[in-house]
Amino acid sequence: QVQLVESGGGLVQAGGSLSLSCAASGLSFNIYAMGWFRQAPGKEREIVAAISASGYSTYYADSGKGRFIVSRNNAKNTVYLQMSSLKPEDTAVYYCAAVRSSGPASNDGWEEYDYWGQGTQVTVSS
């Protein structure tokens, strides 16, 4: 059974930093590209960042460019999202997701992904 478990969310002041982790099990992690998505109340789920299966290719949505860094450790079956200079508009539930892909990281929509975590809340206060 595939499981993706996010951790690291919480409450932070604007301008602060948070690091999210997503531990995967039950799948061959190194053949899955990983994505980080977020969903704020009343808004659609949107991609934040993605990383290829090898880790050599990354994609960032405009919302996170220059502030977020996605990385992965295939030996630990874990993907990370380091977030800095956080803004109140970053407040959302953050999800990690997996899609079987050998291609470069891309801005594929959430519907392309095969597996999802339960999400972790990130709240940025002003």
PDB file of N, CA and C in Angstrom:
ATOM      1  N   GLN A   1       0.843  -1.188   0.000  1.00  0.00           N
ATOM      2  CA  GLN A   1       0.000   0.000   0.000  1.00  0.00           C
ATOM      3  C   GLN A   1       0.883   1.244   0.000  1.00  0.00           C
ATOM      4  N   VAL A   2       0.609   2.140  -0.929  1.00  0.00           N
ATOM      5  CA  VAL A   2       1.397   3.358  -1.035  1.00  0.00           C
ATOM      6  C   VAL A   2       0.962   4.352   0.034  1.00  0.00           C
ATOM      7  N   GLN A   3       1.945   4.921   0.699  1.00  0.00           N
ATOM      8  CA  GLN A   3       1.670   5.971   1.673  1.00  0.00           C
ATOM      9  C   GLN A   3       2.623   7.137   1.450  1.00  0.00           C
ATOM     10  N   LEU A   4       2.074   8.325   1.474  1.00  0.00           N
ATOM     11  CA  LEU A   4       2.854   9.559   1.464  1.00  0.00           C
ATOM     12  C   LEU A   4       2.454  10.323   2.718  1.00  0.00           C
ATOM     13  N   VAL A   5       3.433  10.631   3.549  1.00  0.00           N
ATOM     14  CA  VAL A   5       3.139  11.277   4.827  1.00  0.00           C
ATOM     15  C   VAL A   5       3.919  12.575   4.925  1.00  0.00           C
ATOM     16  N   GLU A   6       3.179  13.688   4.919  1.00  0.00           N
ATOM     17  CA  GLU A   6       3.803  14.994   5.044  1.00  0.00           C
ATOM     18  C   GLU A   6       3.999  15.360   6.510  1.00  0.00           C
ATOM     19  N   SER A   7       4.999  16.170   6.752  1.00  0.00           N
ATOM     20  CA  SER A   7       5.231  16.705   8.091  1.00  0.00           C
ATOM     21  C   SER A   7       5.926  18.049   7.945  1.00  0.00           C
ATOM     22  N   GLY A   8       5.911  18.806   9.034  1.00  0.00           N
ATOM     23  CA  GLY A   8       6.651  20.062   9.064  1.00  0.00           C
ATOM     24  C   GLY A   8       5.810  21.314   8.947  1.00  0.00           C
ATOM     25  N   GLY A   9       4.520  21.172   8.754  1.00  0.00           N
ATOM     26  CA  GLY A   9       3.682  22.351   8.680  1.00  0.00           C
ATOM     27  C   GLY A   9       3.551  23.021  10.037  1.00  0.00           C
ATOM     28  N   GLY A  10       2.940  24.196  10.043  1.00  0.00           N
ATOM     29  CA  GLY A  10       2.748  24.902  11.302  1.00  0.00           C
ATOM     30  C   GLY A  10       2.422  26.349  11.080  1.00  0.00           C
ATOM     31  N   LEU A  11       2.545  27.102  12.155  1.00  0.00           N
ATOM     32  CA  LEU A  11       2.257  28.532  12.141  1.00  0.00           C
ATOM     33  C   LEU A  11       3.574  29.298  12.150  1.00  0.00           C
ATOM     34  N   VAL A  12       3.687  30.262  11.258  1.00  0.00           N
ATOM     35  CA  VAL A  12       4.904  31.046  11.169  1.00  0.00           C
ATOM     36  C   VAL A  12       4.534  32.480  10.823  1.00  0.00           C
ATOM     37  N   GLN A  13       5.345  33.404  11.264  1.00  0.00           N
ATOM     38  CA  GLN A  13       5.107  34.803  10.926  1.00  0.00           C
ATOM     39  C   GLN A  13       5.568  35.098   9.502  1.00  0.00           C
ATOM     40  N   ALA A  14       4.975  36.110   8.919  1.00  0.00           N
ATOM     41  CA  ALA A  14       5.391  36.538   7.579  1.00  0.00           C
ATOM     42  C   ALA A  14       6.890  36.834   7.583  1.00  0.00           C
ATOM     43  N   GLY A  15       7.544  36.384   6.534  1.00  0.00           N
ATOM     44  CA  GLY A  15       8.984  36.538   6.435  1.00  0.00           C
ATOM     45  C   GLY A  15       9.764  35.364   6.980  1.00  0.00           C
ATOM     46  N   GLY A  16       9.065  34.468   7.664  1.00  0.00           N
ATOM     47  CA  GLY A  16       9.722  33.317   8.255  1.00  0.00           C
ATOM     48  C   GLY A  16       9.889  32.168   7.273  1.00  0.00           C
ATOM     49  N   SER A  17      10.362  31.044   7.814  1.00  0.00           N
ATOM     50  CA  SER A  17      10.666  29.872   6.993  1.00  0.00           C
ATOM     51  C   SER A  17      10.045  28.614   7.594  1.00  0.00           C
ATOM     52  N   LEU A  18       9.773  27.671   6.734  1.00  0.00           N
ATOM     53  CA  LEU A  18       9.312  26.346   7.139  1.00  0.00           C
ATOM     54  C   LEU A  18       9.888  25.325   6.178  1.00  0.00           C
ATOM     55  N   SER A  19      10.124  24.145   6.685  1.00  0.00           N
ATOM     56  CA  SER A  19      10.571  23.047   5.829  1.00  0.00           C
ATOM     57  C   SER A  19       9.588  21.903   5.949  1.00  0.00           C
ATOM     58  N   LEU A  20       9.063  21.480   4.836  1.00  0.00           N
ATOM     59  CA  LEU A  20       8.144  20.355   4.793  1.00  0.00           C
ATOM     60  C   LEU A  20       8.878  19.107   4.316  1.00  0.00           C
ATOM     61  N   SER A  21       8.451  17.981   4.816  1.00  0.00           N
ATOM     62  CA  SER A  21       8.980  16.691   4.383  1.00  0.00           C
ATOM     63  C   SER A  21       7.826  15.797   3.980  1.00  0.00           C
ATOM     64  N   CYS A  22       8.110  14.887   3.099  1.00  0.00           N
ATOM     65  CA  CYS A  22       7.113  13.908   2.680  1.00  0.00           C
ATOM     66  C   CYS A  22       7.826  12.563   2.565  1.00  0.00           C
ATOM     67  N   ALA A  23       7.473  11.651   3.442  1.00  0.00           N
ATOM     68  CA  ALA A  23       8.075  10.325   3.445  1.00  0.00           C
ATOM     69  C   ALA A  23       7.177   9.358   2.677  1.00  0.00           C
ATOM     70  N   ALA A  24       7.755   8.662   1.729  1.00  0.00           N
ATOM     71  CA  ALA A  24       7.001   7.745   0.887  1.00  0.00           C
ATOM     72  C   ALA A  24       7.316   6.301   1.234  1.00  0.00           C
ATOM     73  N   SER A  25       6.323   5.459   1.116  1.00  0.00           N
ATOM     74  CA  SER A  25       6.516   4.028   1.303  1.00  0.00           C
ATOM     75  C   SER A  25       5.564   3.273   0.389  1.00  0.00           C
ATOM     76  N   GLY A  26       5.915   2.019   0.096  1.00  0.00           N
ATOM     77  CA  GLY A  26       5.046   1.187  -0.725  1.00  0.00           C
ATOM     78  C   GLY A  26       5.165   1.406  -2.217  1.00  0.00           C
ATOM     79  N   LEU A  27       6.169   2.173  -2.636  1.00  0.00           N
ATOM     80  CA  LEU A  27       6.385   2.370  -4.069  1.00  0.00           C
ATOM     81  C   LEU A  27       7.881   2.471  -4.336  1.00  0.00           C
ATOM     82  N   SER A  28       8.240   2.254  -5.599  1.00  0.00           N
ATOM     83  CA  SER A  28       9.636   2.405  -5.997  1.00  0.00           C
ATOM     84  C   SER A  28       9.897   3.897  -6.178  1.00  0.00           C
ATOM     85  N   PHE A  29      10.315   4.514  -5.104  1.00  0.00           N
ATOM     86  CA  PHE A  29      10.369   5.978  -5.032  1.00  0.00           C
ATOM     87  C   PHE A  29      11.178   6.574  -6.171  1.00  0.00           C
ATOM     88  N   ASN A  30      12.266   5.912  -6.561  1.00  0.00           N
ATOM     89  CA  ASN A  30      13.168   6.520  -7.531  1.00  0.00           C
ATOM     90  C   ASN A  30      12.669   6.462  -8.975  1.00  0.00           C
ATOM     91  N   ILE A  31      11.444   5.992  -9.201  1.00  0.00           N
ATOM     92  CA  ILE A  31      10.875   6.080 -10.547  1.00  0.00           C
ATOM     93  C   ILE A  31       9.653   6.989 -10.572  1.00  0.00           C
ATOM     94  N   TYR A  32       9.457   7.685  -9.467  1.00  0.00           N
ATOM     95  CA  TYR A  32       8.327   8.602  -9.366  1.00  0.00           C
ATOM     96  C   TYR A  32       8.796  10.043  -9.259  1.00  0.00           C
ATOM     97  N   ALA A  33       8.266  10.888 -10.138  1.00  0.00           N
ATOM     98  CA  ALA A  33       8.414  12.314  -9.933  1.00  0.00           C
ATOM     99  C   ALA A  33       7.508  12.723  -8.781  1.00  0.00           C
ATOM    100  N   MET A  34       7.898  13.756  -8.086  1.00  0.00           N
ATOM    101  CA  MET A  34       7.140  14.204  -6.919  1.00  0.00           C
ATOM    102  C   MET A  34       6.732  15.654  -7.096  1.00  0.00           C
ATOM    103  N   GLY A  35       5.560  15.958  -6.604  1.00  0.00           N
ATOM    104  CA  GLY A  35       5.077  17.326  -6.662  1.00  0.00           C
ATOM    105  C   GLY A  35       4.613  17.789  -5.304  1.00  0.00           C
ATOM    106  N   TRP A  36       4.724  19.076  -5.093  1.00  0.00           N
ATOM    107  CA  TRP A  36       4.126  19.732  -3.928  1.00  0.00           C
ATOM    108  C   TRP A  36       2.996  20.621  -4.447  1.00  0.00           C
ATOM    109  N   PHE A  37       1.842  20.454  -3.856  1.00  0.00           N
ATOM    110  CA  PHE A  37       0.666  21.244  -4.207  1.00  0.00           C
ATOM    111  C   PHE A  37       0.167  21.936  -2.948  1.00  0.00           C
ATOM    112  N   ARG A  38      -0.682  22.911  -3.137  1.00  0.00           N
ATOM    113  CA  ARG A  38      -1.322  23.537  -1.998  1.00  0.00           C
ATOM    114  C   ARG A  38      -2.753  23.914  -2.369  1.00  0.00           C
ATOM    115  N   GLN A  39      -3.563  23.985  -1.333  1.00  0.00           N
ATOM    116  CA  GLN A  39      -4.953  24.378  -1.534  1.00  0.00           C
ATOM    117  C   GLN A  39      -5.385  25.254  -0.373  1.00  0.00           C
ATOM    118  N   ALA A  40      -5.757  26.471  -0.706  1.00  0.00           N
ATOM    119  CA  ALA A  40      -6.278  27.408   0.280  1.00  0.00           C
ATOM    120  C   ALA A  40      -7.799  27.324   0.275  1.00  0.00           C
ATOM    121  N   PRO A  41      -8.438  27.713   1.369  1.00  0.00           N
ATOM    122  CA  PRO A  41      -9.905  27.658   1.431  1.00  0.00           C
ATOM    123  C   PRO A  41     -10.542  28.417   0.275  1.00  0.00           C
ATOM    124  N   GLY A  42     -11.469  27.758  -0.411  1.00  0.00           N
ATOM    125  CA  GLY A  42     -12.178  28.395  -1.501  1.00  0.00           C
ATOM    126  C   GLY A  42     -11.415  28.495  -2.801  1.00  0.00           C
ATOM    127  N   LYS A  43     -10.223  27.914  -2.823  1.00  0.00           N
ATOM    128  CA  LYS A  43      -9.400  27.992  -4.035  1.00  0.00           C
ATOM    129  C   LYS A  43      -9.107  26.599  -4.556  1.00  0.00           C
ATOM    130  N   GLU A  44      -8.714  26.545  -5.826  1.00  0.00           N
ATOM    131  CA  GLU A  44      -8.361  25.262  -6.409  1.00  0.00           C
ATOM    132  C   GLU A  44      -6.971  24.827  -5.949  1.00  0.00           C
ATOM    133  N   ARG A  45      -6.757  23.525  -5.989  1.00  0.00           N
ATOM    134  CA  ARG A  45      -5.439  22.992  -5.677  1.00  0.00           C
ATOM    135  C   ARG A  45      -4.477  23.417  -6.779  1.00  0.00           C
ATOM    136  N   GLU A  46      -3.319  23.911  -6.387  1.00  0.00           N
ATOM    137  CA  GLU A  46      -2.353  24.393  -7.361  1.00  0.00           C
ATOM    138  C   GLU A  46      -0.976  23.810  -7.091  1.00  0.00           C
ATOM    139  N   ILE A  47      -0.244  23.645  -8.155  1.00  0.00           N
ATOM    140  CA  ILE A  47       1.109  23.125  -7.994  1.00  0.00           C
ATOM    141  C   ILE A  47       2.013  24.225  -7.450  1.00  0.00           C
ATOM    142  N   VAL A  48       2.915  23.824  -6.597  1.00  0.00           N
ATOM    143  CA  VAL A  48       3.898  24.738  -6.029  1.00  0.00           C
ATOM    144  C   VAL A  48       5.278  24.450  -6.619  1.00  0.00           C
ATOM    145  N   ALA A  49       5.628  23.179  -6.636  1.00  0.00           N
ATOM    146  CA  ALA A  49       6.937  22.773  -7.142  1.00  0.00           C
ATOM    147  C   ALA A  49       6.884  21.296  -7.492  1.00  0.00           C
ATOM    148  N   ALA A  50       7.810  20.895  -8.352  1.00  0.00           N
ATOM    149  CA  ALA A  50       7.906  19.480  -8.710  1.00  0.00           C
ATOM    150  C   ALA A  50       9.368  19.130  -8.910  1.00  0.00           C
ATOM    151  N   ILE A  51       9.667  17.848  -8.762  1.00  0.00           N
ATOM    152  CA  ILE A  51      11.029  17.388  -8.948  1.00  0.00           C
ATOM    153  C   ILE A  51      10.984  16.045  -9.664  1.00  0.00           C
ATOM    154  N   SER A  52      11.888  15.861 -10.592  1.00  0.00           N
ATOM    155  CA  SER A  52      11.907  14.625 -11.359  1.00  0.00           C
ATOM    156  C   SER A  52      12.333  13.446 -10.490  1.00  0.00           C
ATOM    157  N   ALA A  53      12.152  12.257 -11.032  1.00  0.00           N
ATOM    158  CA  ALA A  53      12.477  11.050 -10.280  1.00  0.00           C
ATOM    159  C   ALA A  53      13.952  11.008  -9.875  1.00  0.00           C
ATOM    160  N   SER A  54      14.805  11.481 -10.757  1.00  0.00           N
ATOM    161  CA  SER A  54      16.245  11.479 -10.470  1.00  0.00           C
ATOM    162  C   SER A  54      16.657  12.617  -9.561  1.00  0.00           C
ATOM    163  N   GLY A  55      15.834  13.657  -9.526  1.00  0.00           N
ATOM    164  CA  GLY A  55      16.168  14.838  -8.736  1.00  0.00           C
ATOM    165  C   GLY A  55      16.927  15.897  -9.499  1.00  0.00           C
ATOM    166  N   TYR A  56      17.255  15.614 -10.765  1.00  0.00           N
ATOM    167  CA  TYR A  56      18.067  16.565 -11.516  1.00  0.00           C
ATOM    168  C   TYR A  56      17.257  17.693 -12.132  1.00  0.00           C
ATOM    169  N   SER A  57      15.968  17.519 -12.205  1.00  0.00           N
ATOM    170  CA  SER A  57      15.111  18.517 -12.827  1.00  0.00           C
ATOM    171  C   SER A  57      14.067  18.989 -11.838  1.00  0.00           C
ATOM    172  N   THR A  58      13.880  20.302 -11.766  1.00  0.00           N
ATOM    173  CA  THR A  58      12.876  20.860 -10.877  1.00  0.00           C
ATOM    174  C   THR A  58      12.010  21.866 -11.624  1.00  0.00           C
ATOM    175  N   TYR A  59      10.836  22.078 -11.094  1.00  0.00           N
ATOM    176  CA  TYR A  59       9.906  23.071 -11.624  1.00  0.00           C
ATOM    177  C   TYR A  59       9.337  23.852 -10.447  1.00  0.00           C
ATOM    178  N   TYR A  60       9.189  25.147 -10.640  1.00  0.00           N
ATOM    179  CA  TYR A  60       8.577  25.995  -9.619  1.00  0.00           C
ATOM    180  C   TYR A  60       7.479  26.844 -10.249  1.00  0.00           C
ATOM    181  N   ALA A  61       6.349  26.894  -9.587  1.00  0.00           N
ATOM    182  CA  ALA A  61       5.333  27.849  -9.988  1.00  0.00           C
ATOM    183  C   ALA A  61       5.836  29.245  -9.660  1.00  0.00           C
ATOM    184  N   ASP A  62       5.300  30.223 -10.356  1.00  0.00           N
ATOM    185  CA  ASP A  62       5.735  31.604 -10.136  1.00  0.00           C
ATOM    186  C   ASP A  62       5.598  32.013  -8.677  1.00  0.00           C
ATOM    187  N   SER A  63       4.603  31.455  -8.011  1.00  0.00           N
ATOM    188  CA  SER A  63       4.336  31.826  -6.622  1.00  0.00           C
ATOM    189  C   SER A  63       5.491  31.489  -5.692  1.00  0.00           C
ATOM    190  N   GLY A  64       6.296  30.495  -6.076  1.00  0.00           N
ATOM    191  CA  GLY A  64       7.359  30.060  -5.181  1.00  0.00           C
ATOM    192  C   GLY A  64       8.767  30.314  -5.680  1.00  0.00           C
ATOM    193  N   LYS A  65       8.884  30.796  -6.898  1.00  0.00           N
ATOM    194  CA  LYS A  65      10.223  31.008  -7.461  1.00  0.00           C
ATOM    195  C   LYS A  65      11.035  31.966  -6.597  1.00  0.00           C
ATOM    196  N   GLY A  66      12.247  31.559  -6.315  1.00  0.00           N
ATOM    197  CA  GLY A  66      13.131  32.391  -5.517  1.00  0.00           C
ATOM    198  C   GLY A  66      12.915  32.285  -4.016  1.00  0.00           C
ATOM    199  N   ARG A  67      11.843  31.629  -3.608  1.00  0.00           N
ATOM    200  CA  ARG A  67      11.547  31.483  -2.175  1.00  0.00           C
ATOM    201  C   ARG A  67      11.492  30.025  -1.736  1.00  0.00           C
ATOM    202  N   PHE A  68      11.103  29.139  -2.626  1.00  0.00           N
ATOM    203  CA  PHE A  68      10.938  27.725  -2.285  1.00  0.00           C
ATOM    204  C   PHE A  68      12.010  26.890  -2.972  1.00  0.00           C
ATOM    205  N   ILE A  69      12.423  25.836  -2.295  1.00  0.00           N
ATOM    206  CA  ILE A  69      13.368  24.891  -2.885  1.00  0.00           C
ATOM    207  C   ILE A  69      12.837  23.480  -2.672  1.00  0.00           C
ATOM    208  N   VAL A  70      12.706  22.741  -3.756  1.00  0.00           N
ATOM    209  CA  VAL A  70      12.277  21.347  -3.670  1.00  0.00           C
ATOM    210  C   VAL A  70      13.509  20.458  -3.856  1.00  0.00           C
ATOM    211  N   SER A  71      13.579  19.408  -3.063  1.00  0.00           N
ATOM    212  CA  SER A  71      14.685  18.466  -3.164  1.00  0.00           C
ATOM    213  C   SER A  71      14.191  17.089  -2.761  1.00  0.00           C
ATOM    214  N   ARG A  72      15.017  16.090  -2.987  1.00  0.00           N
ATOM    215  CA  ARG A  72      14.633  14.736  -2.613  1.00  0.00           C
ATOM    216  C   ARG A  72      15.868  13.935  -2.265  1.00  0.00           C
ATOM    217  N   ASN A  73      15.639  12.933  -1.443  1.00  0.00           N
ATOM    218  CA  ASN A  73      16.682  11.987  -1.081  1.00  0.00           C
ATOM    219  C   ASN A  73      16.124  10.607  -1.388  1.00  0.00           C
ATOM    220  N   ASN A  74      16.534  10.040  -2.504  1.00  0.00           N
ATOM    221  CA  ASN A  74      15.970   8.750  -2.911  1.00  0.00           C
ATOM    222  C   ASN A  74      16.378   7.606  -1.987  1.00  0.00           C
ATOM    223  N   ALA A  75      17.500   7.775  -1.312  1.00  0.00           N
ATOM    224  CA  ALA A  75      17.917   6.742  -0.356  1.00  0.00           C
ATOM    225  C   ALA A  75      17.001   6.708   0.865  1.00  0.00           C
ATOM    226  N   LYS A  76      16.365   7.855   1.141  1.00  0.00           N
ATOM    227  CA  LYS A  76      15.464   7.940   2.303  1.00  0.00           C
ATOM    228  C   LYS A  76      13.996   7.981   1.886  1.00  0.00           C
ATOM    229  N   ASN A  77      13.739   7.858   0.573  1.00  0.00           N
ATOM    230  CA  ASN A  77      12.350   7.898   0.073  1.00  0.00           C
ATOM    231  C   ASN A  77      11.614   9.141   0.571  1.00  0.00           C
ATOM    232  N   THR A  78      12.283  10.271   0.514  1.00  0.00           N
ATOM    233  CA  THR A  78      11.722  11.495   1.072  1.00  0.00           C
ATOM    234  C   THR A  78      11.924  12.660   0.112  1.00  0.00           C
ATOM    235  N   VAL A  79      10.896  13.487   0.023  1.00  0.00           N
ATOM    236  CA  VAL A  79      10.978  14.727  -0.748  1.00  0.00           C
ATOM    237  C   VAL A  79      10.754  15.883   0.222  1.00  0.00           C
ATOM    238  N   TYR A  80      11.401  16.992  -0.060  1.00  0.00           N
ATOM    239  CA  TYR A  80      11.379  18.139   0.844  1.00  0.00           C
ATOM    240  C   TYR A  80      10.919  19.395   0.109  1.00  0.00           C
ATOM    241  N   LEU A  81      10.373  20.315   0.876  1.00  0.00           N
ATOM    242  CA  LEU A  81      10.068  21.637   0.348  1.00  0.00           C
ATOM    243  C   LEU A  81      10.499  22.647   1.401  1.00  0.00           C
ATOM    244  N   GLN A  82      11.547  23.376   1.070  1.00  0.00           N
ATOM    245  CA  GLN A  82      12.024  24.431   1.949  1.00  0.00           C
ATOM    246  C   GLN A  82      11.383  25.732   1.498  1.00  0.00           C
ATOM    247  N   MET A  83      10.726  26.393   2.425  1.00  0.00           N
ATOM    248  CA  MET A  83      10.007  27.626   2.109  1.00  0.00           C
ATOM    249  C   MET A  83      10.573  28.756   2.953  1.00  0.00           C
ATOM    250  N   SER A  84      10.887  29.845   2.310  1.00  0.00           N
ATOM    251  CA  SER A  84      11.404  31.005   3.014  1.00  0.00           C
ATOM    252  C   SER A  84      10.668  32.253   2.554  1.00  0.00           C
ATOM    253  N   SER A  85      10.892  33.339   3.272  1.00  0.00           N
ATOM    254  CA  SER A  85      10.208  34.609   2.972  1.00  0.00           C
ATOM    255  C   SER A  85       8.713  34.381   2.805  1.00  0.00           C
ATOM    256  N   LEU A  86       8.157  33.648   3.739  1.00  0.00           N
ATOM    257  CA  LEU A  86       6.744  33.271   3.620  1.00  0.00           C
ATOM    258  C   LEU A  86       5.832  34.479   3.736  1.00  0.00           C
ATOM    259  N   LYS A  87       4.725  34.408   3.021  1.00  0.00           N
ATOM    260  CA  LYS A  87       3.739  35.482   2.967  1.00  0.00           C
ATOM    261  C   LYS A  87       2.396  34.944   3.439  1.00  0.00           C
ATOM    262  N   PRO A  88       1.535  35.804   3.917  1.00  0.00           N
ATOM    263  CA  PRO A  88       0.199  35.323   4.333  1.00  0.00           C
ATOM    264  C   PRO A  88      -0.526  34.567   3.216  1.00  0.00           C
ATOM    265  N   GLU A  89      -0.286  34.946   1.992  1.00  0.00           N
ATOM    266  CA  GLU A  89      -0.957  34.260   0.876  1.00  0.00           C
ATOM    267  C   GLU A  89      -0.408  32.860   0.622  1.00  0.00           C
ATOM    268  N   ASP A  90       0.641  32.480   1.316  1.00  0.00           N
ATOM    269  CA  ASP A  90       1.134  31.101   1.246  1.00  0.00           C
ATOM    270  C   ASP A  90       0.331  30.172   2.164  1.00  0.00           C
ATOM    271  N   THR A  91      -0.542  30.736   2.960  1.00  0.00           N
ATOM    272  CA  THR A  91      -1.350  29.931   3.869  1.00  0.00           C
ATOM    273  C   THR A  91      -2.224  28.965   3.077  1.00  0.00           C
ATOM    274  N   ALA A  92      -2.106  27.679   3.388  1.00  0.00           N
ATOM    275  CA  ALA A  92      -2.837  26.639   2.665  1.00  0.00           C
ATOM    276  C   ALA A  92      -2.514  25.293   3.290  1.00  0.00           C
ATOM    277  N   VAL A  93      -3.242  24.286   2.867  1.00  0.00           N
ATOM    278  CA  VAL A  93      -2.844  22.910   3.146  1.00  0.00           C
ATOM    279  C   VAL A  93      -1.906  22.488   2.017  1.00  0.00           C
ATOM    280  N   TYR A  94      -0.764  21.979   2.401  1.00  0.00           N
ATOM    281  CA  TYR A  94       0.249  21.571   1.433  1.00  0.00           C
ATOM    282  C   TYR A  94       0.244  20.048   1.327  1.00  0.00           C
ATOM    283  N   TYR A  95       0.245  19.573   0.093  1.00  0.00           N
ATOM    284  CA  TYR A  95       0.200  18.146  -0.192  1.00  0.00           C
ATOM    285  C   TYR A  95       1.411  17.736  -1.023  1.00  0.00           C
ATOM    286  N   CYS A  96       1.932  16.563  -0.757  1.00  0.00           N
ATOM    287  CA  CYS A  96       2.883  15.998  -1.692  1.00  0.00           C
ATOM    288  C   CYS A  96       2.155  14.924  -2.503  1.00  0.00           C
ATOM    289  N   ALA A  97       2.663  14.696  -3.708  1.00  0.00           N
ATOM    290  CA  ALA A  97       2.029  13.752  -4.610  1.00  0.00           C
ATOM    291  C   ALA A  97       3.090  13.090  -5.481  1.00  0.00           C
ATOM    292  N   ALA A  98       2.763  11.903  -5.958  1.00  0.00           N
ATOM    293  CA  ALA A  98       3.710  11.121  -6.754  1.00  0.00           C
ATOM    294  C   ALA A  98       3.087  10.737  -8.085  1.00  0.00           C
ATOM    295  N   VAL A  99       3.901  10.813  -9.133  1.00  0.00           N
ATOM    296  CA  VAL A  99       3.471  10.381 -10.461  1.00  0.00           C
ATOM    297  C   VAL A  99       4.610   9.588 -11.077  1.00  0.00           C
ATOM    298  N   ARG A 100       4.265   8.429 -11.659  1.00  0.00           N
ATOM    299  CA  ARG A 100       5.310   7.607 -12.268  1.00  0.00           C
ATOM    300  C   ARG A 100       5.760   8.287 -13.557  1.00  0.00           C
ATOM    301  N   SER A 101       6.989   8.721 -13.572  1.00  0.00           N
ATOM    302  CA  SER A 101       7.482   9.478 -14.714  1.00  0.00           C
ATOM    303  C   SER A 101       9.000   9.487 -14.728  1.00  0.00           C
ATOM    304  N   SER A 102       9.562   9.293 -15.927  1.00  0.00           N
ATOM    305  CA  SER A 102      11.010   9.373 -16.080  1.00  0.00           C
ATOM    306  C   SER A 102      11.430  10.680 -16.733  1.00  0.00           C
ATOM    307  N   GLY A 103      10.473  11.536 -17.006  1.00  0.00           N
ATOM    308  CA  GLY A 103      10.757  12.783 -17.700  1.00  0.00           C
ATOM    309  C   GLY A 103      11.172  13.895 -16.752  1.00  0.00           C
ATOM    310  N   PRO A 104      11.399  15.072 -17.301  1.00  0.00           N
ATOM    311  CA  PRO A 104      11.766  16.213 -16.463  1.00  0.00           C
ATOM    312  C   PRO A 104      10.590  16.681 -15.625  1.00  0.00           C
ATOM    313  N   ALA A 105      10.884  17.427 -14.592  1.00  0.00           N
ATOM    314  CA  ALA A 105       9.824  17.990 -13.761  1.00  0.00           C
ATOM    315  C   ALA A 105       8.992  18.955 -14.605  1.00  0.00           C
ATOM    316  N   SER A 106       7.714  19.003 -14.310  1.00  0.00           N
ATOM    317  CA  SER A 106       6.831  19.847 -15.118  1.00  0.00           C
ATOM    318  C   SER A 106       5.686  20.370 -14.269  1.00  0.00           C
ATOM    319  N   ASN A 107       4.881  21.207 -14.884  1.00  0.00           N
ATOM    320  CA  ASN A 107       3.738  21.791 -14.189  1.00  0.00           C
ATOM    321  C   ASN A 107       2.465  20.989 -14.453  1.00  0.00           C
ATOM    322  N   ASP A 108       2.594  19.663 -14.471  1.00  0.00           N
ATOM    323  CA  ASP A 108       1.402  18.824 -14.633  1.00  0.00           C
ATOM    324  C   ASP A 108       0.384  19.152 -13.560  1.00  0.00           C
ATOM    325  N   GLY A 109      -0.874  19.101 -13.933  1.00  0.00           N
ATOM    326  CA  GLY A 109      -1.940  19.377 -12.986  1.00  0.00           C
ATOM    327  C   GLY A 109      -2.108  18.263 -11.986  1.00  0.00           C
ATOM    328  N   TRP A 110      -2.864  18.552 -10.936  1.00  0.00           N
ATOM    329  CA  TRP A 110      -3.018  17.571  -9.863  1.00  0.00           C
ATOM    330  C   TRP A 110      -3.628  16.271 -10.365  1.00  0.00           C
ATOM    331  N   GLU A 111      -4.439  16.357 -11.419  1.00  0.00           N
ATOM    332  CA  GLU A 111      -5.128  15.166 -11.913  1.00  0.00           C
ATOM    333  C   GLU A 111      -4.174  14.161 -12.535  1.00  0.00           C
ATOM    334  N   GLU A 112      -2.947  14.576 -12.835  1.00  0.00           N
ATOM    335  CA  GLU A 112      -1.962  13.672 -13.431  1.00  0.00           C
ATOM    336  C   GLU A 112      -1.278  12.789 -12.392  1.00  0.00           C
ATOM    337  N   TYR A 113      -1.403  13.140 -11.138  1.00  0.00           N
ATOM    338  CA  TYR A 113      -0.657  12.442 -10.104  1.00  0.00           C
ATOM    339  C   TYR A 113      -1.411  11.211  -9.599  1.00  0.00           C
ATOM    340  N   ASP A 114      -0.618  10.208  -9.245  1.00  0.00           N
ATOM    341  CA  ASP A 114      -1.184   8.905  -8.882  1.00  0.00           C
ATOM    342  C   ASP A 114      -1.487   8.762  -7.392  1.00  0.00           C
ATOM    343  N   TYR A 115      -0.622   9.310  -6.581  1.00  0.00           N
ATOM    344  CA  TYR A 115      -0.750   9.117  -5.130  1.00  0.00           C
ATOM    345  C   TYR A 115      -0.602  10.450  -4.407  1.00  0.00           C
ATOM    346  N   TRP A 116      -1.298  10.552  -3.279  1.00  0.00           N
ATOM    347  CA  TRP A 116      -1.338  11.799  -2.516  1.00  0.00           C
ATOM    348  C   TRP A 116      -1.147  11.546  -1.034  1.00  0.00           C
ATOM    349  N   GLY A 117      -0.535  12.532  -0.382  1.00  0.00           N
ATOM    350  CA  GLY A 117      -0.484  12.517   1.068  1.00  0.00           C
ATOM    351  C   GLY A 117      -1.751  13.144   1.638  1.00  0.00           C
ATOM    352  N   GLN A 118      -1.808  13.173   2.948  1.00  0.00           N
ATOM    353  CA  GLN A 118      -3.003  13.679   3.627  1.00  0.00           C
ATOM    354  C   GLN A 118      -2.974  15.199   3.786  1.00  0.00           C
ATOM    355  N   GLY A 119      -1.825  15.786   3.568  1.00  0.00           N
ATOM    356  CA  GLY A 119      -1.705  17.232   3.660  1.00  0.00           C
ATOM    357  C   GLY A 119      -1.220  17.703   5.013  1.00  0.00           C
ATOM    358  N   THR A 120      -0.580  18.851   5.013  1.00  0.00           N
ATOM    359  CA  THR A 120      -0.128  19.489   6.251  1.00  0.00           C
ATOM    360  C   THR A 120      -0.434  20.979   6.148  1.00  0.00           C
ATOM    361  N   GLN A 121      -0.952  21.522   7.238  1.00  0.00           N
ATOM    362  CA  GLN A 121      -1.387  22.922   7.243  1.00  0.00           C
ATOM    363  C   GLN A 121      -0.194  23.852   7.435  1.00  0.00           C
ATOM    364  N   VAL A 122      -0.123  24.854   6.588  1.00  0.00           N
ATOM    365  CA  VAL A 122       0.843  25.935   6.739  1.00  0.00           C
ATOM    366  C   VAL A 122       0.053  27.229   6.892  1.00  0.00           C
ATOM    367  N   THR A 123       0.297  27.920   7.990  1.00  0.00           N
ATOM    368  CA  THR A 123      -0.384  29.186   8.254  1.00  0.00           C
ATOM    369  C   THR A 123       0.661  30.266   8.463  1.00  0.00           C
ATOM    370  N   VAL A 124       0.550  31.323   7.675  1.00  0.00           N
ATOM    371  CA  VAL A 124       1.491  32.435   7.770  1.00  0.00           C
ATOM    372  C   VAL A 124       0.728  33.643   8.275  1.00  0.00           C
ATOM    373  N   SER A 125       1.125  34.129   9.424  1.00  0.00           N
ATOM    374  CA  SER A 125       0.450  35.276  10.019  1.00  0.00           C
ATOM    375  C   SER A 125       1.140  36.572   9.598  1.00  0.00           C
ATOM    376  N   SER A 126       0.329  37.607   9.485  1.00  0.00           N
ATOM    377  CA  SER A 126       0.878  38.902   9.046  1.00  0.00           C
ATOM    378  C   SER A 126       1.343  39.730  10.224  1.00  0.00           C
TER     379      SER A 126
END
